[in-house]
Amino acid sequence: MIALLLALGSSLAYGCADFLGGLGARKAHVLRTVMIAAPASLVVELLLWPVLGASFSVGAFGWGAASGVASAAAFVLLYRTLAIGPMNVLSPVTALVSAALPVGVGLLQGEHLAVAGVVGLPLALVAVVLVSAGHGAGSARPSRTALLLAFGAGAAIALQLVFLHQTPSDSGVAPLIVGRAVSSAITLAAAGVMYRRLGSERPAYAMSAAAGVLDSVANLLFLLAARSGDLAVVAVIVALYPAGTVLLARGVLAERIHRGQLVGLGTAAVAVSLLALT
């Protein structure tokens, strides 16, 4: 039950971070937004160090660095995917892959589900697709390149979660610190290379920093959930993060929640209830 609550908190934090990051990216080039969000995220992890402790073992450093590389790749691939579109096709593909791969890894590592989990897990995967499927491109078909990028983005997100799950359980926040340092370095290096193409718009400093802080909180909650529960269950719950984005968009931007998304939110509630029984 604790793992489920932590995973729900992680999902909500990821959804809020994506919402703020998306708003920030409307005001300036996305890399300008990340140049603020990434260091802010790292600062949060460093502040947590004295509270939660950190053991920089070989395993913590190696898996943490791998998660940082995957995180940077996920960021690039995800935004490129959504830029090509259609979002209402590619977003569910990305979310489903990001959930399905950790499920496979967890089951291969010997995780077992009760009857409620066997029913709840597929329902949660369906909810991921429904919640993240927006309204926009209609019946437009994505290109082969766009689909490959969507699969790549989902795989990169999944790898980040799997790598964090592999870190030693006694390493504290060390993997998160290493991962954030690596992803920040990669992102800042990319921004430096592309500096002349970033435009002159001023980024939304507070919004971008808040997105970074929330992303850090989401990573921490996922790590704690994965250490106390099954990866197969935790990863699927975390992949419901579009629900938080959808609800915020409705409340703040007055965007319409479409019928399929409402069905997805209801399906998610049923799935989470079933998974709570496992």
Protein backbone atom coordinates (compact mmCIF):
# COMPACT_ATOMS: atom_id res chain seq x y z
CA MET A 1 0.00 0.00 0.00
CA ILE A 2 2.85 2.40 0.83
CA ALA A 3 4.47 1.72 -2.55
CA LEU A 4 1.17 2.42 -4.30
CA LEU A 5 0.73 5.76 -2.53
CA LEU A 6 4.30 6.77 -3.30
CA ALA A 7 3.80 5.82 -6.96
CA LEU A 8 0.61 7.89 -7.12
CA GLY A 9 2.48 10.84 -5.62
CA SER A 10 5.24 10.38 -8.18
CA SER A 11 2.72 10.26 -11.01
CA LEU A 12 1.04 13.45 -9.80
CA ALA A 13 4.38 15.25 -9.43
CA TYR A 14 5.47 14.18 -12.94
CA GLY A 15 2.18 15.42 -14.36
CA CYS A 16 2.50 18.80 -12.62
CA ALA A 17 6.13 19.11 -13.72
CA ASP A 18 5.18 18.41 -17.34
CA PHE A 19 2.39 20.98 -17.16
CA LEU A 20 4.67 23.73 -15.84
CA GLY A 21 7.48 22.75 -18.18
CA GLY A 22 5.10 22.85 -21.13
CA LEU A 23 3.89 26.31 -20.18
CA GLY A 24 7.46 27.48 -19.76
CA ALA A 25 8.42 26.10 -23.16
CA ARG A 26 5.69 28.24 -24.74
CA LYS A 27 7.50 31.37 -23.61
CA ALA A 28 11.00 30.46 -24.78
CA HIS A 29 12.96 27.66 -26.47
CA VAL A 30 12.55 24.42 -24.59
CA LEU A 31 16.29 24.19 -23.90
CA ARG A 32 16.17 27.59 -22.21
CA THR A 33 13.49 26.18 -19.93
CA VAL A 34 15.53 23.08 -19.15
CA MET A 35 18.66 25.14 -18.48
CA ILE A 36 16.77 26.42 -15.42
CA ALA A 37 14.78 23.31 -14.54
CA ALA A 38 17.74 20.90 -14.56
CA PRO A 39 19.96 22.79 -12.06
CA ALA A 40 16.91 23.48 -9.85
CA SER A 41 16.23 19.75 -9.83
CA LEU A 42 19.81 18.99 -8.86
CA VAL A 43 19.66 21.53 -6.01
CA VAL A 44 16.65 19.69 -4.54
CA GLU A 45 18.54 16.39 -4.56
CA LEU A 46 21.54 18.01 -2.88
CA LEU A 47 19.30 19.50 -0.19
CA LEU A 48 17.83 16.07 0.47
CA TRP A 49 21.30 14.55 0.94
CA PRO A 50 21.67 15.46 4.67
CA VAL A 51 18.10 14.33 5.35
CA LEU A 52 17.94 11.00 3.50
CA GLY A 53 21.64 10.22 3.25
CA ALA A 54 23.64 9.08 0.24
CA SER A 55 26.09 6.23 -0.29
CA PHE A 56 28.10 6.68 -3.49
CA SER A 57 28.92 3.05 -4.13
CA VAL A 58 29.89 1.73 -7.54
CA GLY A 59 26.35 0.48 -8.09
CA ALA A 60 24.76 3.77 -7.05
CA PHE A 61 27.13 5.76 -9.25
CA GLY A 62 26.88 3.49 -12.29
CA TRP A 63 23.11 2.98 -12.32
CA GLY A 64 22.54 6.62 -11.35
CA ALA A 65 24.68 7.84 -14.25
CA ALA A 66 22.87 5.48 -16.62
CA SER A 67 19.52 6.87 -15.46
CA GLY A 68 20.82 10.38 -16.11
CA VAL A 69 21.77 9.53 -19.69
CA ALA A 70 18.36 7.90 -20.22
CA SER A 71 16.65 10.96 -18.73
CA ALA A 72 18.44 13.33 -21.12
CA ALA A 73 17.61 11.08 -24.09
CA ALA A 74 13.97 10.85 -22.99
CA PHE A 75 13.69 14.62 -22.86
CA VAL A 76 15.07 15.12 -26.39
CA LEU A 77 13.08 12.28 -27.96
CA LEU A 78 9.81 13.14 -26.22
CA TYR A 79 9.73 16.78 -27.25
CA ARG A 80 10.83 15.93 -30.78
CA THR A 81 8.08 13.31 -30.97
CA LEU A 82 5.37 15.71 -29.82
CA ALA A 83 6.67 18.40 -32.18
CA ILE A 84 6.17 16.09 -35.19
CA GLY A 85 2.74 14.85 -34.09
CA PRO A 86 -0.02 13.83 -34.14
CA MET A 87 0.05 14.10 -30.36
CA ASN A 88 -3.16 12.15 -29.77
CA VAL A 89 -1.55 9.09 -31.37
CA LEU A 90 2.08 9.46 -30.33
CA SER A 91 1.55 10.45 -26.69
CA PRO A 92 -0.30 7.20 -25.80
CA VAL A 93 2.37 5.19 -27.64
CA THR A 94 5.10 6.83 -25.58
CA ALA A 95 3.23 6.41 -22.29
CA LEU A 96 2.36 2.77 -22.99
CA VAL A 97 5.95 1.83 -23.89
CA SER A 98 7.25 3.63 -20.80
CA ALA A 99 4.93 1.48 -18.68
CA ALA A 100 5.14 -1.84 -20.51
CA LEU A 101 8.93 -2.24 -20.54
CA PRO A 102 9.37 -1.95 -16.74
CA VAL A 103 6.47 -4.38 -16.31
CA GLY A 104 8.33 -6.91 -18.46
CA VAL A 105 11.56 -6.35 -16.54
CA GLY A 106 9.79 -6.76 -13.20
CA LEU A 107 8.10 -9.99 -14.22
CA LEU A 108 11.37 -11.37 -15.64
CA GLN A 109 13.03 -10.61 -12.31
CA GLY A 110 10.53 -12.86 -10.57
CA GLU A 111 7.83 -10.46 -9.40
CA HIS A 112 4.46 -12.16 -8.91
CA LEU A 113 1.00 -10.59 -8.96
CA ALA A 114 -2.10 -11.62 -7.03
CA VAL A 115 -5.40 -12.11 -8.87
CA ALA A 116 -6.36 -8.46 -8.33
CA GLY A 117 -3.03 -7.41 -9.79
CA VAL A 118 -3.46 -9.63 -12.85
CA VAL A 119 -6.72 -7.78 -13.58
CA GLY A 120 -5.61 -4.34 -12.40
CA LEU A 121 -2.34 -4.17 -14.35
CA PRO A 122 -3.87 -4.48 -17.85
CA LEU A 123 -6.61 -2.03 -16.81
CA ALA A 124 -3.95 0.45 -15.72
CA LEU A 125 -2.17 0.09 -19.09
CA VAL A 126 -5.47 0.81 -20.86
CA ALA A 127 -5.96 3.84 -18.61
CA VAL A 128 -2.50 5.14 -19.52
CA VAL A 129 -3.47 5.15 -23.20
CA LEU A 130 -6.92 6.69 -22.67
CA VAL A 131 -5.76 9.45 -20.31
CA SER A 132 -2.82 10.50 -22.48
CA ALA A 133 -4.83 10.47 -25.73
CA GLY A 134 -5.82 14.04 -26.38
CA HIS A 135 -8.04 15.49 -29.09
CA GLY A 136 -6.36 17.16 -32.00
CA ALA A 137 -5.02 15.38 -35.00
CA GLY A 138 -8.20 13.41 -35.71
CA SER A 139 -7.53 10.53 -38.02
CA ALA A 140 -4.11 11.75 -39.13
CA ARG A 141 -1.59 8.92 -39.40
CA PRO A 142 1.87 9.41 -37.91
CA SER A 143 4.91 8.95 -40.08
CA ARG A 144 7.27 6.02 -39.57
CA THR A 145 9.87 8.44 -38.20
CA ALA A 146 7.40 9.84 -35.67
CA LEU A 147 6.43 6.35 -34.49
CA LEU A 148 10.06 5.35 -34.10
CA LEU A 149 10.73 8.50 -32.08
CA ALA A 150 7.67 7.77 -29.91
CA PHE A 151 8.91 4.26 -29.19
CA GLY A 152 12.38 5.67 -28.50
CA ALA A 153 11.02 8.26 -26.08
CA GLY A 154 8.95 5.66 -24.22
CA ALA A 155 11.93 3.29 -24.08
CA ALA A 156 14.19 6.04 -22.71
CA ILE A 157 11.67 6.91 -19.98
CA ALA A 158 11.32 3.21 -19.16
CA LEU A 159 15.09 2.75 -18.98
CA GLN A 160 15.40 5.66 -16.58
CA LEU A 161 12.90 3.97 -14.25
CA VAL A 162 14.50 0.53 -14.62
CA PHE A 163 18.00 1.90 -13.97
CA LEU A 164 16.85 3.70 -10.83
CA HIS A 165 15.18 0.48 -9.67
CA GLN A 166 18.50 -1.37 -10.02
CA THR A 167 20.33 0.97 -7.64
CA PRO A 168 21.31 -0.38 -4.20
CA SER A 169 18.51 -0.01 -1.67
CA ASP A 170 20.92 1.46 0.90
CA SER A 171 22.30 4.16 -1.41
CA GLY A 172 19.88 6.87 -0.31
CA VAL A 173 19.59 9.72 -2.81
CA ALA A 174 23.04 9.11 -4.31
CA PRO A 175 21.63 7.68 -7.59
CA LEU A 176 19.35 10.69 -7.96
CA ILE A 177 22.20 13.15 -7.38
CA VAL A 178 24.44 11.39 -9.89
CA GLY A 179 21.61 11.06 -12.40
CA ARG A 180 20.64 14.73 -12.14
CA ALA A 181 24.25 15.83 -12.43
CA VAL A 182 24.72 13.74 -15.59
CA SER A 183 21.43 14.79 -17.24
CA SER A 184 22.07 18.44 -16.35
CA ALA A 185 25.56 18.29 -17.85
CA ILE A 186 24.24 16.71 -21.06
CA THR A 187 21.40 19.22 -21.35
CA LEU A 188 23.60 22.25 -20.67
CA ALA A 189 26.18 20.99 -23.16
CA ALA A 190 23.45 20.62 -25.80
CA ALA A 191 22.21 24.13 -25.03
CA GLY A 192 25.75 25.45 -25.39
CA VAL A 193 26.17 23.81 -28.78
CA MET A 194 22.80 25.14 -29.98
CA TYR A 195 23.05 28.51 -28.25
CA ARG A 196 22.71 30.59 -31.43
CA ARG A 197 19.49 28.80 -32.33
CA LEU A 198 17.79 29.22 -28.96
CA GLY A 199 16.35 32.66 -29.72
CA SER A 200 16.33 35.73 -27.51
CA GLU A 201 13.13 35.11 -25.54
CA ARG A 202 13.42 35.28 -21.77
CA PRO A 203 12.43 32.00 -20.10
CA ALA A 204 9.81 31.80 -17.38
CA TYR A 205 12.28 31.50 -14.51
CA ALA A 206 9.92 30.68 -11.64
CA MET A 207 7.79 28.29 -13.70
CA SER A 208 10.83 26.47 -15.10
CA ALA A 209 12.44 26.15 -11.66
CA ALA A 210 9.18 24.83 -10.20
CA ALA A 211 9.02 22.22 -12.96
CA GLY A 212 12.54 21.09 -12.06
CA VAL A 213 11.69 20.89 -8.35
CA LEU A 214 8.57 18.81 -9.02
CA ASP A 215 10.48 16.51 -11.36
CA SER A 216 13.00 15.89 -8.59
CA VAL A 217 10.21 15.10 -6.13
CA ALA A 218 8.68 12.71 -8.67
CA ASN A 219 11.99 10.87 -9.11
CA LEU A 220 12.45 10.58 -5.36
CA LEU A 221 8.94 9.21 -4.81
CA PHE A 222 9.41 6.71 -7.65
CA LEU A 223 12.70 5.52 -6.16
CA LEU A 224 11.13 5.05 -2.72
CA ALA A 225 8.12 3.28 -4.26
CA ALA A 226 10.29 0.95 -6.33
CA ARG A 227 12.35 0.07 -3.25
CA SER A 228 9.26 -0.88 -1.26
CA GLY A 229 7.11 -2.47 -3.98
CA ASP A 230 7.07 -4.28 -7.31
CA LEU A 231 8.50 -2.46 -10.32
CA ALA A 232 5.73 -3.89 -12.54
CA VAL A 233 3.03 -2.18 -10.46
CA VAL A 234 4.92 1.01 -9.58
CA ALA A 235 5.93 1.80 -13.17
CA VAL A 236 2.36 1.49 -14.48
CA ILE A 237 0.98 3.77 -11.77
CA VAL A 238 3.71 6.33 -12.45
CA ALA A 239 2.90 6.17 -16.18
CA LEU A 240 -0.52 7.63 -15.36
CA TYR A 241 1.19 11.03 -15.04
CA PRO A 242 -0.77 12.49 -18.01
CA ALA A 243 -3.81 12.50 -15.71
CA GLY A 244 -2.25 15.23 -13.58
CA THR A 245 -1.41 17.27 -16.66
CA VAL A 246 -4.93 16.86 -18.05
CA LEU A 247 -6.59 17.94 -14.78
CA LEU A 248 -4.31 20.97 -14.41
CA ALA A 249 -4.94 21.99 -18.00
CA ARG A 250 -8.66 21.81 -17.25
CA GLY A 251 -8.45 23.84 -14.06
CA VAL A 252 -5.85 26.43 -15.08
CA LEU A 253 -6.24 26.74 -18.85
CA ALA A 254 -9.91 25.72 -19.06
CA GLU A 255 -9.03 23.04 -21.61
CA ARG A 256 -11.74 20.51 -22.26
CA ILE A 257 -11.40 16.99 -20.91
CA HIS A 258 -12.60 14.70 -23.67
CA ARG A 259 -14.83 11.68 -23.23
CA GLY A 260 -12.03 9.18 -23.75
CA GLN A 261 -9.91 10.89 -21.10
CA LEU A 262 -12.82 10.81 -18.63
CA VAL A 263 -13.17 7.09 -19.28
CA GLY A 264 -9.42 6.76 -18.77
CA LEU A 265 -9.57 8.58 -15.41
CA GLY A 266 -12.36 6.25 -14.27
CA THR A 267 -10.46 3.20 -15.51
CA ALA A 268 -7.38 4.42 -13.66
CA ALA A 269 -9.35 4.71 -10.41
CA VAL A 270 -10.60 1.12 -10.77
CA ALA A 271 -7.13 -0.15 -11.68
CA VAL A 272 -5.48 1.58 -8.73
CA SER A 273 -8.14 0.17 -6.38
CA LEU A 274 -7.42 -3.35 -7.66
CA LEU A 275 -3.66 -2.89 -7.43
CA ALA A 276 -4.07 -1.70 -3.85
CA LEU A 277 -5.35 -5.19 -3.03
CA THR A 278 -2.19 -6.95 -4.29
